[in-house]
């Protein structure tokens, strides 16, 4: 397990280090995808940390501008609002579009 964590940290360091020198359009595009994936992972992790099944059923996507898109279904408005609040409070998120529907 330690080896996986260390390997992940090293990979993240390599990725972050390469972001500073990315000058080519392809490299910049890859940098955006890595950044988007990191934001999406952070939001999903925060939702899962609440230990509410209703929040783990929410789909999270992030665009190139740091805009998070939430979709799926939740059991009530409180769960929808909590998902929005969690996403907004995540580093790197510029805004949140919440398309989560309350299940009837």
C-alpha atoms as a PDB file:
ATOM      1  CA  UNK A   1       0.000   0.000   0.000  1.00  0.00           C
ATOM      2  CA  UNK A   2       2.846   2.377   0.853  1.00  0.00           C
ATOM      3  CA  UNK A   3       4.365   1.727  -2.566  1.00  0.00           C
ATOM      4  CA  UNK A   4       1.131   2.714  -4.305  1.00  0.00           C
ATOM      5  CA  UNK A   5       0.844   5.919  -2.288  1.00  0.00           C
ATOM      6  CA  UNK A   6       4.469   6.828  -2.903  1.00  0.00           C
ATOM      7  CA  UNK A   7       4.168   6.066  -6.620  1.00  0.00           C
ATOM      8  CA  UNK A   8       1.028   8.216  -6.820  1.00  0.00           C
ATOM      9  CA  UNK A   9       2.762  11.080  -5.059  1.00  0.00           C
ATOM     10  CA  UNK A  10       5.752  10.836  -7.377  1.00  0.00           C
ATOM     11  CA  UNK A  11       3.480  10.778 -10.420  1.00  0.00           C
ATOM     12  CA  UNK A  12       1.596  13.820  -9.139  1.00  0.00           C
ATOM     13  CA  UNK A  13       4.915  15.621  -8.613  1.00  0.00           C
ATOM     14  CA  UNK A  14       6.001  14.834 -12.153  1.00  0.00           C
ATOM     15  CA  UNK A  15       2.669  16.013 -13.550  1.00  0.00           C
ATOM     16  CA  UNK A  16       2.681  19.206 -11.489  1.00  0.00           C
ATOM     17  CA  UNK A  17       6.289  19.866 -12.403  1.00  0.00           C
ATOM     18  CA  UNK A  18       5.528  19.450 -16.098  1.00  0.00           C
ATOM     19  CA  UNK A  19       2.617  21.881 -15.919  1.00  0.00           C
ATOM     20  CA  UNK A  20       4.963  24.802 -15.281  1.00  0.00           C
ATOM     21  CA  UNK A  21       6.978  24.185 -18.455  1.00  0.00           C
ATOM     22  CA  UNK A  22       4.114  23.268 -20.779  1.00  0.00           C
ATOM     23  CA  UNK A  23       4.286  25.617 -23.757  1.00  0.00           C
ATOM     24  CA  UNK A  24       2.984  23.530 -26.629  1.00  0.00           C
ATOM     25  CA  UNK A  25      -0.801  23.527 -27.258  1.00  0.00           C
ATOM     26  CA  UNK A  26      -0.977  19.747 -26.837  1.00  0.00           C
ATOM     27  CA  UNK A  27       0.845  19.913 -23.518  1.00  0.00           C
ATOM     28  CA  UNK A  28      -1.391  22.748 -22.337  1.00  0.00           C
ATOM     29  CA  UNK A  29      -4.453  20.701 -23.288  1.00  0.00           C
ATOM     30  CA  UNK A  30      -3.126  17.713 -21.344  1.00  0.00           C
ATOM     31  CA  UNK A  31      -2.473  20.017 -18.385  1.00  0.00           C
ATOM     32  CA  UNK A  32      -6.118  21.126 -18.425  1.00  0.00           C
ATOM     33  CA  UNK A  33      -7.270  17.501 -18.455  1.00  0.00           C
ATOM     34  CA  UNK A  34      -5.069  16.675 -15.463  1.00  0.00           C
ATOM     35  CA  UNK A  35      -6.299  19.766 -13.596  1.00  0.00           C
ATOM     36  CA  UNK A  36      -9.922  18.915 -14.418  1.00  0.00           C
ATOM     37  CA  UNK A  37      -9.459  15.331 -13.263  1.00  0.00           C
ATOM     38  CA  UNK A  38      -7.900  16.522 -10.008  1.00  0.00           C
ATOM     39  CA  UNK A  39     -10.804  18.901  -9.313  1.00  0.00           C
ATOM     40  CA  UNK A  40     -13.335  16.183 -10.147  1.00  0.00           C
ATOM     41  CA  UNK A  41     -11.547  13.726  -7.854  1.00  0.00           C
ATOM     42  CA  UNK A  42     -11.453  16.265  -5.004  1.00  0.00           C
ATOM     43  CA  UNK A  43     -15.179  16.962  -5.279  1.00  0.00           C
ATOM     44  CA  UNK A  44     -16.051  13.240  -5.480  1.00  0.00           C
ATOM     45  CA  UNK A  45     -13.838  12.547  -2.470  1.00  0.00           C
ATOM     46  CA  UNK A  46     -15.516  15.275  -0.420  1.00  0.00           C
ATOM     47  CA  UNK A  47     -18.964  13.986  -1.361  1.00  0.00           C
ATOM     48  CA  UNK A  48     -17.981  10.446  -0.366  1.00  0.00           C
ATOM     49  CA  UNK A  49     -16.485  11.688   2.902  1.00  0.00           C
ATOM     50  CA  UNK A  50     -19.939  12.803   4.027  1.00  0.00           C
ATOM     51  CA  UNK A  51     -20.895   9.093   4.170  1.00  0.00           C
ATOM     52  CA  UNK A  52     -24.278   9.793   2.605  1.00  0.00           C
ATOM     53  CA  UNK A  53     -25.283   7.373  -0.137  1.00  0.00           C
ATOM     54  CA  UNK A  54     -27.366  10.130  -1.694  1.00  0.00           C
ATOM     55  CA  UNK A  55     -24.219  12.165  -2.381  1.00  0.00           C
ATOM     56  CA  UNK A  56     -22.195   9.304  -3.829  1.00  0.00           C
ATOM     57  CA  UNK A  57     -24.812   8.866  -6.587  1.00  0.00           C
ATOM     58  CA  UNK A  58     -24.068  12.322  -7.959  1.00  0.00           C
ATOM     59  CA  UNK A  59     -22.024  12.539 -11.160  1.00  0.00           C
ATOM     60  CA  UNK A  60     -19.254  15.165 -11.190  1.00  0.00           C
ATOM     61  CA  UNK A  61     -17.600  16.651 -14.287  1.00  0.00           C
ATOM     62  CA  UNK A  62     -15.216  19.596 -14.596  1.00  0.00           C
ATOM     63  CA  UNK A  63     -14.609  21.689 -17.710  1.00  0.00           C
ATOM     64  CA  UNK A  64     -11.417  23.504 -18.790  1.00  0.00           C
ATOM     65  CA  UNK A  65     -12.370  26.626 -16.842  1.00  0.00           C
ATOM     66  CA  UNK A  66     -12.783  24.913 -13.471  1.00  0.00           C
ATOM     67  CA  UNK A  67     -16.573  24.849 -13.758  1.00  0.00           C
ATOM     68  CA  UNK A  68     -18.038  21.819 -12.010  1.00  0.00           C
ATOM     69  CA  UNK A  69     -21.184  20.206 -13.413  1.00  0.00           C
ATOM     70  CA  UNK A  70     -23.216  18.080 -11.012  1.00  0.00           C
ATOM     71  CA  UNK A  71     -25.884  15.694 -12.312  1.00  0.00           C
ATOM     72  CA  UNK A  72     -27.862  12.684 -11.206  1.00  0.00           C
ATOM     73  CA  UNK A  73     -30.530  12.250  -8.558  1.00  0.00           C
ATOM     74  CA  UNK A  74     -30.770  12.973  -4.847  1.00  0.00           C
ATOM     75  CA  UNK A  75     -33.483  12.105  -2.318  1.00  0.00           C
ATOM     76  CA  UNK A  76     -34.156  15.711  -1.262  1.00  0.00           C
ATOM     77  CA  UNK A  77     -33.286  19.374  -1.776  1.00  0.00           C
ATOM     78  CA  UNK A  78     -30.942  19.374   1.229  1.00  0.00           C
ATOM     79  CA  UNK A  79     -28.727  16.772  -0.436  1.00  0.00           C
ATOM     80  CA  UNK A  80     -28.708  18.806  -3.665  1.00  0.00           C
ATOM     81  CA  UNK A  81     -27.754  21.959  -1.758  1.00  0.00           C
ATOM     82  CA  UNK A  82     -25.032  20.138   0.180  1.00  0.00           C
ATOM     83  CA  UNK A  83     -23.490  18.827  -3.032  1.00  0.00           C
ATOM     84  CA  UNK A  84     -23.407  22.374  -4.429  1.00  0.00           C
ATOM     85  CA  UNK A  85     -21.832  23.742  -1.261  1.00  0.00           C
ATOM     86  CA  UNK A  86     -19.185  21.007  -1.199  1.00  0.00           C
ATOM     87  CA  UNK A  87     -18.268  21.609  -4.843  1.00  0.00           C
ATOM     88  CA  UNK A  88     -18.085  25.396  -4.381  1.00  0.00           C
ATOM     89  CA  UNK A  89     -15.758  24.966  -1.398  1.00  0.00           C
ATOM     90  CA  UNK A  90     -13.274  22.886  -3.398  1.00  0.00           C
ATOM     91  CA  UNK A  91      -9.969  24.411  -4.454  1.00  0.00           C
ATOM     92  CA  UNK A  92      -9.779  25.135  -8.180  1.00  0.00           C
ATOM     93  CA  UNK A  93     -13.553  25.344  -8.691  1.00  0.00           C
ATOM     94  CA  UNK A  94     -14.614  28.598 -10.344  1.00  0.00           C
ATOM     95  CA  UNK A  95     -18.362  27.925 -10.367  1.00  0.00           C
ATOM     96  CA  UNK A  96     -20.889  25.107 -10.041  1.00  0.00           C
ATOM     97  CA  UNK A  97     -23.798  24.113 -12.281  1.00  0.00           C
ATOM     98  CA  UNK A  98     -26.099  21.791 -10.390  1.00  0.00           C
ATOM     99  CA  UNK A  99     -28.411  19.683 -12.547  1.00  0.00           C
ATOM    100  CA  UNK A 100     -29.118  17.158  -9.781  1.00  0.00           C
ATOM    101  CA  UNK A 101     -32.795  16.254  -9.719  1.00  0.00           C
ATOM    102  CA  UNK A 102     -34.747  15.475  -6.566  1.00  0.00           C
ATOM    103  CA  UNK A 103     -36.173  11.977  -6.813  1.00  0.00           C
ATOM    104  CA  UNK A 104     -39.981  11.984  -6.644  1.00  0.00           C
END
